[in-house]
PDB file of N, CA and C in Angstrom:
ATOM      1  N   MET A   1    -113.889  25.114 -50.350  1.00  0.00           N
ATOM      2  CA  MET A   1    -113.676  23.937 -50.116  1.00  0.00           C
ATOM      3  C   MET A   1    -114.707  23.604 -48.893  1.00  0.00           C
ATOM      4  N   ASP A   2    -115.962  22.780 -49.773  1.00  0.00           N
ATOM      5  CA  ASP A   2    -117.004  22.464 -48.382  1.00  0.00           C
ATOM      6  C   ASP A   2    -116.598  21.989 -47.373  1.00  0.00           C
ATOM      7  N   GLU A   3    -117.644  21.824 -46.326  1.00  0.00           N
ATOM      8  CA  GLU A   3    -117.661  21.167 -45.059  1.00  0.00           C
ATOM      9  C   GLU A   3    -116.484  19.771 -45.167  1.00  0.00           C
ATOM     10  N   GLN A   4    -117.012  18.818 -45.969  1.00  0.00           N
ATOM     11  CA  GLN A   4    -116.473  17.337 -46.520  1.00  0.00           C
ATOM     12  C   GLN A   4    -115.544  17.078 -46.567  1.00  0.00           C
ATOM     13  N   GLN A   5    -115.043  18.000 -47.709  1.00  0.00           N
ATOM     14  CA  GLN A   5    -113.591  18.028 -48.085  1.00  0.00           C
ATOM     15  C   GLN A   5    -112.772  18.650 -46.914  1.00  0.00           C
ATOM     16  N   ARG A   6    -113.477  19.780 -46.166  1.00  0.00           N
ATOM     17  CA  ARG A   6    -112.483  20.171 -45.482  1.00  0.00           C
ATOM     18  C   ARG A   6    -112.031  18.998 -44.119  1.00  0.00           C
ATOM     19  N   LYS A   7    -113.332  18.274 -43.930  1.00  0.00           N
ATOM     20  CA  LYS A   7    -113.372  17.387 -42.901  1.00  0.00           C
ATOM     21  C   LYS A   7    -112.085  16.027 -43.225  1.00  0.00           C
ATOM     22  N   GLN A   8    -112.210  15.905 -44.439  1.00  0.00           N
ATOM     23  CA  GLN A   8    -111.148  14.850 -45.422  1.00  0.00           C
ATOM     24  C   GLN A   8    -109.862  15.607 -44.939  1.00  0.00           C
ATOM     25  N   LYS A   9    -109.794  16.847 -45.131  1.00  0.00           N
ATOM     26  CA  LYS A   9    -108.210  17.239 -45.511  1.00  0.00           C
ATOM     27  C   LYS A   9    -107.538  17.412 -43.730  1.00  0.00           C
ATOM     28  N   GLU A  10    -108.747  17.720 -43.043  1.00  0.00           N
ATOM     29  CA  GLU A  10    -108.426  17.355 -41.549  1.00  0.00           C
ATOM     30  C   GLU A  10    -107.825  16.167 -40.733  1.00  0.00           C
ATOM     31  N   ALA A  11    -108.324  15.460 -41.359  1.00  0.00           N
ATOM     32  CA  ALA A  11    -108.145  13.720 -41.594  1.00  0.00           C
ATOM     33  C   ALA A  11    -106.698  13.411 -41.813  1.00  0.00           C
ATOM     34  N   GLU A  12    -106.312  14.019 -42.882  1.00  0.00           N
ATOM     35  CA  GLU A  12    -105.621  13.658 -43.750  1.00  0.00           C
ATOM     36  C   GLU A  12    -104.154  14.296 -43.295  1.00  0.00           C
ATOM     37  N   LEU A  13    -104.547  15.340 -42.377  1.00  0.00           N
ATOM     38  CA  LEU A  13    -103.406  16.157 -41.712  1.00  0.00           C
ATOM     39  C   LEU A  13    -103.050  15.477 -40.551  1.00  0.00           C
ATOM     40  N   GLU A  14    -103.346  14.834 -39.895  1.00  0.00           N
ATOM     41  CA  GLU A  14    -103.728  14.175 -38.572  1.00  0.00           C
ATOM     42  C   GLU A  14    -103.111  13.211 -38.720  1.00  0.00           C
ATOM     43  N   ALA A  15    -103.485  12.471 -40.042  1.00  0.00           N
ATOM     44  CA  ALA A  15    -102.900  10.899 -40.371  1.00  0.00           C
ATOM     45  C   ALA A  15    -100.980  11.357 -40.582  1.00  0.00           C
ATOM     46  N   CYS A  16    -101.047  12.194 -41.371  1.00  0.00           N
ATOM     47  CA  CYS A  16     -99.677  12.637 -41.975  1.00  0.00           C
ATOM     48  C   CYS A  16     -98.621  13.058 -40.459  1.00  0.00           C
ATOM     49  N   LYS A  17     -99.269  13.571 -39.658  1.00  0.00           N
ATOM     50  CA  LYS A  17     -98.804  14.253 -38.264  1.00  0.00           C
ATOM     51  C   LYS A  17     -98.791  12.506 -37.632  1.00  0.00           C
ATOM     52  N   ARG A  18     -99.525  11.917 -37.386  1.00  0.00           N
ATOM     53  CA  ARG A  18     -99.070  10.624 -36.906  1.00  0.00           C
ATOM     54  C   ARG A  18     -98.412   9.605 -37.386  1.00  0.00           C
ATOM     55  N   PHE A  19     -98.132   9.791 -39.005  1.00  0.00           N
ATOM     56  CA  PHE A  19     -97.323   9.200 -39.587  1.00  0.00           C
ATOM     57  C   PHE A  19     -96.007   9.127 -39.461  1.00  0.00           C
ATOM     58  N   ALA A  20     -95.705  10.941 -39.143  1.00  0.00           N
ATOM     59  CA  ALA A  20     -94.480  11.323 -39.260  1.00  0.00           C
ATOM     60  C   ALA A  20     -93.732  11.162 -37.769  1.00  0.00           C
ATOM     61  N   GLU A  21     -94.568  11.026 -36.673  1.00  0.00           N
ATOM     62  CA  GLU A  21     -93.917  11.028 -35.329  1.00  0.00           C
ATOM     63  C   GLU A  21     -93.795   9.750 -35.215  1.00  0.00           C
ATOM     64  N   GLU A  22     -94.398   8.700 -35.594  1.00  0.00           N
ATOM     65  CA  GLU A  22     -94.644   7.183 -35.306  1.00  0.00           C
ATOM     66  C   GLU A  22     -93.081   7.079 -36.192  1.00  0.00           C
ATOM     67  N   ALA A  23     -92.675   7.581 -37.588  1.00  0.00           N
ATOM     68  CA  ALA A  23     -91.522   7.287 -38.494  1.00  0.00           C
ATOM     69  C   ALA A  23     -90.500   8.090 -37.367  1.00  0.00           C
ATOM     70  N   TYR A  24     -90.691   9.193 -36.660  1.00  0.00           N
ATOM     71  CA  TYR A  24     -89.365  10.085 -36.312  1.00  0.00           C
ATOM     72  C   TYR A  24     -89.103   9.046 -34.993  1.00  0.00           C
ATOM     73  N   ASP A  25     -90.303   8.272 -34.138  1.00  0.00           N
ATOM     74  CA  ASP A  25     -89.878   7.322 -33.144  1.00  0.00           C
ATOM     75  C   ASP A  25     -89.319   6.024 -33.152  1.00  0.00           C
ATOM     76  N   ALA A  26     -89.410   5.713 -34.543  1.00  0.00           N
ATOM     77  CA  ALA A  26     -89.180   4.281 -35.009  1.00  0.00           C
ATOM     78  C   ALA A  26     -87.659   4.520 -35.248  1.00  0.00           C
ATOM     79  N   MET A  27     -87.173   5.681 -35.671  1.00  0.00           N
ATOM     80  CA  MET A  27     -85.684   6.788 -36.149  1.00  0.00           C
ATOM     81  C   MET A  27     -84.512   5.957 -34.694  1.00  0.00           C
ATOM     82  N   TYR A  28     -85.019   5.680 -33.493  1.00  0.00           N
ATOM     83  CA  TYR A  28     -84.661   5.461 -32.624  1.00  0.00           C
ATOM     84  C   TYR A  28     -84.198   4.318 -32.018  1.00  0.00           C
ATOM     85  N   GLU A  29     -85.441   3.467 -32.848  1.00  0.00           N
ATOM     86  CA  GLU A  29     -85.247   2.107 -32.460  1.00  0.00           C
ATOM     87  C   GLU A  29     -84.715   1.130 -34.128  1.00  0.00           C
ATOM     88  N   ALA A  30     -84.470   1.770 -34.549  1.00  0.00           N
ATOM     89  CA  ALA A  30     -83.236   1.073 -35.926  1.00  0.00           C
ATOM     90  C   ALA A  30     -82.279   0.620 -35.225  1.00  0.00           C
ATOM     91  N   HIS A  31     -82.136  -0.766 -36.049  1.00  0.00           N
ATOM     92  CA  HIS A  31     -81.074  -1.286 -35.744  1.00  0.00           C
ATOM     93  C   HIS A  31     -79.844  -1.095 -36.642  1.00  0.00           C
ATOM     94  N   SER A  32     -79.857  -0.480 -37.287  1.00  0.00           N
ATOM     95  CA  SER A  32     -78.829  -0.165 -38.542  1.00  0.00           C
ATOM     96  C   SER A  32     -78.738   1.301 -38.959  1.00  0.00           C
ATOM     97  N   SER A  33     -78.083   2.170 -39.190  1.00  0.00           N
ATOM     98  CA  SER A  33     -77.736   3.465 -39.685  1.00  0.00           C
ATOM     99  C   SER A  33     -79.059   3.855 -41.025  1.00  0.00           C
ATOM    100  N   SER A  34     -78.880   2.555 -41.801  1.00  0.00           N
ATOM    101  CA  SER A  34     -79.638   2.360 -42.876  1.00  0.00           C
ATOM    102  C   SER A  34     -81.095   2.473 -42.804  1.00  0.00           C
ATOM    103  N   ALA A  35     -81.320   1.624 -41.523  1.00  0.00           N
ATOM    104  CA  ALA A  35     -82.893   1.799 -41.155  1.00  0.00           C
ATOM    105  C   ALA A  35     -83.209   3.514 -40.597  1.00  0.00           C
ATOM    106  N   ALA A  36     -82.499   3.272 -39.427  1.00  0.00           N
ATOM    107  CA  ALA A  36     -82.559   5.103 -39.150  1.00  0.00           C
ATOM    108  C   ALA A  36     -82.581   6.170 -40.258  1.00  0.00           C
ATOM    109  N   THR A  37     -82.334   5.639 -41.200  1.00  0.00           N
ATOM    110  CA  THR A  37     -82.022   6.886 -42.295  1.00  0.00           C
ATOM    111  C   THR A  37     -83.553   6.804 -42.760  1.00  0.00           C
ATOM    112  N   GLY A  38     -83.933   5.442 -43.435  1.00  0.00           N
ATOM    113  CA  GLY A  38     -85.262   5.164 -44.151  1.00  0.00           C
ATOM    114  C   GLY A  38     -86.517   6.046 -43.056  1.00  0.00           C
ATOM    115  N   ARG A  39     -85.842   5.644 -41.752  1.00  0.00           N
ATOM    116  CA  ARG A  39     -87.485   6.177 -41.161  1.00  0.00           C
ATOM    117  C   ARG A  39     -87.481   7.767 -40.706  1.00  0.00           C
ATOM    118  N   TYR A  40     -86.092   8.388 -40.954  1.00  0.00           N
ATOM    119  CA  TYR A  40     -85.495   9.865 -41.265  1.00  0.00           C
ATOM    120  C   TYR A  40     -86.634  10.391 -42.230  1.00  0.00           C
ATOM    121  N   SER A  41     -85.878   9.589 -43.333  1.00  0.00           N
ATOM    122  CA  SER A  41     -86.456   9.649 -45.019  1.00  0.00           C
ATOM    123  C   SER A  41     -88.008   9.692 -45.177  1.00  0.00           C
ATOM    124  N   ASP A  42     -88.699   9.181 -44.071  1.00  0.00           N
ATOM    125  CA  ASP A  42     -90.164   8.340 -44.119  1.00  0.00           C
ATOM    126  C   ASP A  42     -91.146   9.797 -43.145  1.00  0.00           C
ATOM    127  N   ALA A  43     -90.416  10.283 -41.935  1.00  0.00           N
ATOM    128  CA  ALA A  43     -90.481  11.185 -41.103  1.00  0.00           C
ATOM    129  C   ALA A  43     -90.739  12.416 -42.158  1.00  0.00           C
ATOM    130  N   LYS A  44     -89.726  12.855 -42.831  1.00  0.00           N
ATOM    131  CA  LYS A  44     -89.641  14.158 -43.410  1.00  0.00           C
ATOM    132  C   LYS A  44     -90.505  14.127 -44.369  1.00  0.00           C
ATOM    133  N   GLU A  45     -90.755  13.128 -45.223  1.00  0.00           N
ATOM    134  CA  GLU A  45     -92.248  13.135 -45.977  1.00  0.00           C
ATOM    135  C   GLU A  45     -93.563  13.327 -45.754  1.00  0.00           C
ATOM    136  N   ALA A  46     -93.462  12.802 -44.601  1.00  0.00           N
ATOM    137  CA  ALA A  46     -94.891  12.969 -43.994  1.00  0.00           C
ATOM    138  C   ALA A  46     -94.894  14.264 -43.360  1.00  0.00           C
ATOM    139  N   PHE A  47     -93.991  15.023 -42.966  1.00  0.00           N
ATOM    140  CA  PHE A  47     -94.196  16.289 -42.495  1.00  0.00           C
ATOM    141  C   PHE A  47     -94.222  17.295 -43.863  1.00  0.00           C
ATOM    142  N   TYR A  48     -93.676  16.787 -44.804  1.00  0.00           N
ATOM    143  CA  TYR A  48     -93.799  17.695 -46.003  1.00  0.00           C
ATOM    144  C   TYR A  48     -95.394  17.739 -46.313  1.00  0.00           C
ATOM    145  N   ASP A  49     -96.009  16.758 -46.479  1.00  0.00           N
ATOM    146  CA  ASP A  49     -97.196  16.334 -46.510  1.00  0.00           C
ATOM    147  C   ASP A  49     -98.054  16.506 -45.672  1.00  0.00           C
ATOM    148  N   ALA A  50     -97.842  16.849 -44.455  1.00  0.00           N
ATOM    149  CA  ALA A  50     -98.628  17.925 -43.581  1.00  0.00           C
ATOM    150  C   ALA A  50     -98.631  18.929 -43.538  1.00  0.00           C
ATOM    151  N   ILE A  51     -97.376  19.393 -44.069  1.00  0.00           N
ATOM    152  CA  ILE A  51     -97.216  21.256 -44.003  1.00  0.00           C
ATOM    153  C   ILE A  51     -98.468  21.367 -45.477  1.00  0.00           C
ATOM    154  N   ARG A  52     -98.217  20.598 -46.532  1.00  0.00           N
ATOM    155  CA  ARG A  52     -98.936  20.759 -47.481  1.00  0.00           C
ATOM    156  C   ARG A  52    -100.806  20.717 -47.656  1.00  0.00           C
ATOM    157  N   VAL A  53    -100.656  19.983 -46.711  1.00  0.00           N
ATOM    158  CA  VAL A  53    -102.296  19.967 -46.074  1.00  0.00           C
ATOM    159  C   VAL A  53    -102.683  21.410 -45.267  1.00  0.00           C
ATOM    160  N   ALA A  54    -101.651  21.371 -44.332  1.00  0.00           N
ATOM    161  CA  ALA A  54    -102.077  22.254 -43.282  1.00  0.00           C
ATOM    162  C   ALA A  54    -102.444  23.990 -44.314  1.00  0.00           C
ATOM    163  N   ARG A  55    -101.206  23.978 -45.415  1.00  0.00           N
ATOM    164  CA  ARG A  55    -101.275  24.973 -46.135  1.00  0.00           C
ATOM    165  C   ARG A  55    -102.720  25.171 -46.947  1.00  0.00           C
ATOM    166  N   GLU A  56    -102.764  23.788 -47.148  1.00  0.00           N
ATOM    167  CA  GLU A  56    -104.397  23.833 -48.143  1.00  0.00           C
ATOM    168  C   GLU A  56    -105.369  24.136 -46.863  1.00  0.00           C
ATOM    169  N   LEU A  57    -105.299  24.276 -45.943  1.00  0.00           N
ATOM    170  CA  LEU A  57    -106.492  24.136 -44.702  1.00  0.00           C
ATOM    171  C   LEU A  57    -106.459  25.918 -44.466  1.00  0.00           C
ATOM    172  N   GLY A  58    -105.441  26.144 -44.423  1.00  0.00           N
ATOM    173  CA  GLY A  58    -105.119  27.597 -43.859  1.00  0.00           C
ATOM    174  C   GLY A  58    -104.593  28.205 -42.722  1.00  0.00           C
ATOM    175  N   PRO A  59    -104.797  27.504 -41.654  1.00  0.00           N
ATOM    176  CA  PRO A  59    -104.067  28.266 -40.236  1.00  0.00           C
ATOM    177  C   PRO A  59    -102.565  28.439 -40.531  1.00  0.00           C
ATOM    178  N   GLU A  60    -101.720  29.374 -40.871  1.00  0.00           N
ATOM    179  CA  GLU A  60    -100.396  29.413 -40.736  1.00  0.00           C
ATOM    180  C   GLU A  60    -100.081  29.294 -39.702  1.00  0.00           C
ATOM    181  N   GLU A  61    -100.649  29.140 -38.647  1.00  0.00           N
ATOM    182  CA  GLU A  61     -99.639  28.946 -36.613  1.00  0.00           C
ATOM    183  C   GLU A  61     -99.769  27.427 -36.973  1.00  0.00           C
ATOM    184  N   GLU A  62    -100.859  26.408 -37.614  1.00  0.00           N
ATOM    185  CA  GLU A  62     -99.912  25.240 -37.855  1.00  0.00           C
ATOM    186  C   GLU A  62     -98.920  25.023 -38.764  1.00  0.00           C
ATOM    187  N   VAL A  63     -98.925  25.632 -39.894  1.00  0.00           N
ATOM    188  CA  VAL A  63     -97.855  25.682 -41.069  1.00  0.00           C
ATOM    189  C   VAL A  63     -96.092  25.363 -40.445  1.00  0.00           C
ATOM    190  N   ARG A  64     -96.110  26.701 -39.557  1.00  0.00           N
ATOM    191  CA  ARG A  64     -95.128  27.113 -38.957  1.00  0.00           C
ATOM    192  C   ARG A  64     -94.624  26.305 -37.433  1.00  0.00           C
ATOM    193  N   ARG A  65     -95.812  25.666 -36.997  1.00  0.00           N
ATOM    194  CA  ARG A  65     -95.177  24.639 -36.299  1.00  0.00           C
ATOM    195  C   ARG A  65     -94.690  23.355 -36.764  1.00  0.00           C
ATOM    196  N   LEU A  66     -95.428  22.921 -37.779  1.00  0.00           N
ATOM    197  CA  LEU A  66     -94.675  21.888 -38.332  1.00  0.00           C
ATOM    198  C   LEU A  66     -93.477  22.145 -39.063  1.00  0.00           C
ATOM    199  N   GLU A  67     -93.433  23.231 -39.737  1.00  0.00           N
ATOM    200  CA  GLU A  67     -92.329  23.609 -40.158  1.00  0.00           C
ATOM    201  C   GLU A  67     -91.225  23.731 -38.935  1.00  0.00           C
ATOM    202  N   ALA A  68     -91.605  23.688 -37.919  1.00  0.00           N
ATOM    203  CA  ALA A  68     -90.557  24.176 -36.816  1.00  0.00           C
ATOM    204  C   ALA A  68     -90.221  22.388 -35.872  1.00  0.00           C
ATOM    205  N   ARG A  69     -91.058  21.710 -36.420  1.00  0.00           N
ATOM    206  CA  ARG A  69     -91.673  20.498 -36.050  1.00  0.00           C
ATOM    207  C   ARG A  69     -89.903  19.397 -36.942  1.00  0.00           C
ATOM    208  N   LEU A  70     -90.441  20.109 -37.798  1.00  0.00           N
ATOM    209  CA  LEU A  70     -89.394  19.502 -39.093  1.00  0.00           C
ATOM    210  C   LEU A  70     -88.233  19.367 -38.798  1.00  0.00           C
ATOM    211  N   GLU A  71     -87.854  20.710 -38.955  1.00  0.00           N
ATOM    212  CA  GLU A  71     -86.465  21.599 -38.317  1.00  0.00           C
ATOM    213  C   GLU A  71     -85.714  20.829 -37.131  1.00  0.00           C
ATOM    214  N   HIS A  72     -86.760  20.250 -36.092  1.00  0.00           N
ATOM    215  CA  HIS A  72     -85.708  19.954 -35.217  1.00  0.00           C
ATOM    216  C   HIS A  72     -85.745  18.120 -35.642  1.00  0.00           C
ATOM    217  N   VAL A  73     -86.976  17.403 -35.960  1.00  0.00           N
ATOM    218  CA  VAL A  73     -86.303  16.133 -36.630  1.00  0.00           C
ATOM    219  C   VAL A  73     -84.973  16.237 -37.494  1.00  0.00           C
ATOM    220  N   LYS A  74     -85.018  17.027 -38.467  1.00  0.00           N
ATOM    221  CA  LYS A  74     -83.864  17.240 -39.151  1.00  0.00           C
ATOM    222  C   LYS A  74     -82.309  17.659 -38.252  1.00  0.00           C
ATOM    223  N   SER A  75     -82.322  18.165 -37.258  1.00  0.00           N
ATOM    224  CA  SER A  75     -81.353  18.756 -36.837  1.00  0.00           C
ATOM    225  C   SER A  75     -81.238  17.679 -35.758  1.00  0.00           C
ATOM    226  N   VAL A  76     -82.216  17.009 -35.225  1.00  0.00           N
ATOM    227  CA  VAL A  76     -81.730  15.966 -34.217  1.00  0.00           C
ATOM    228  C   VAL A  76     -81.008  14.459 -34.957  1.00  0.00           C
ATOM    229  N   PHE A  77     -81.775  14.438 -36.218  1.00  0.00           N
ATOM    230  CA  PHE A  77     -80.937  13.297 -37.090  1.00  0.00           C
ATOM    231  C   PHE A  77     -79.319  13.321 -37.457  1.00  0.00           C
ATOM    232  N   ARG A  78     -79.119  14.820 -37.721  1.00  0.00           N
ATOM    233  CA  ARG A  78     -77.989  15.281 -38.191  1.00  0.00           C
ATOM    234  C   ARG A  78     -77.186  15.056 -37.341  1.00  0.00           C
ATOM    235  N   SER A  79     -77.508  15.268 -35.687  1.00  0.00           N
ATOM    236  CA  SER A  79     -76.474  15.444 -34.871  1.00  0.00           C
ATOM    237  C   SER A  79     -76.095  14.208 -34.119  1.00  0.00           C
ATOM    238  N   GLN A  80     -77.547  12.960 -34.303  1.00  0.00           N
ATOM    239  CA  GLN A  80     -77.301  11.868 -33.472  1.00  0.00           C
ATOM    240  C   GLN A  80     -77.035  10.564 -34.518  1.00  0.00           C
ATOM    241  N   PHE A  81     -77.215  10.976 -35.711  1.00  0.00           N
ATOM    242  CA  PHE A  81     -77.173   9.519 -37.039  1.00  0.00           C
ATOM    243  C   PHE A  81     -76.516  10.057 -37.900  1.00  0.00           C
ATOM    244  N   SER A  82     -75.692  11.107 -38.261  1.00  0.00           N
ATOM    245  CA  SER A  82     -75.111  11.368 -39.008  1.00  0.00           C
ATOM    246  C   SER A  82     -73.456  11.287 -38.454  1.00  0.00           C
TER     247      SER A  82
END
């Protein structure tokens, strides 16, 4: 991967992480359980995308951090919205 591709992947990773966190925050502001479930789904998908991109970039520490964050989000949803 050349430098330009790496920068694009890094920007994609940041966008995925930002969207995931925004969706997670929106889960709490949802006015119905179905809306909360939708935001949860958005957060999960964005974290999965971020994990995929992080794997492509290589730093295993970032992959582990994202996987742990995803597990936290899942745990919170299960305990508070299920």
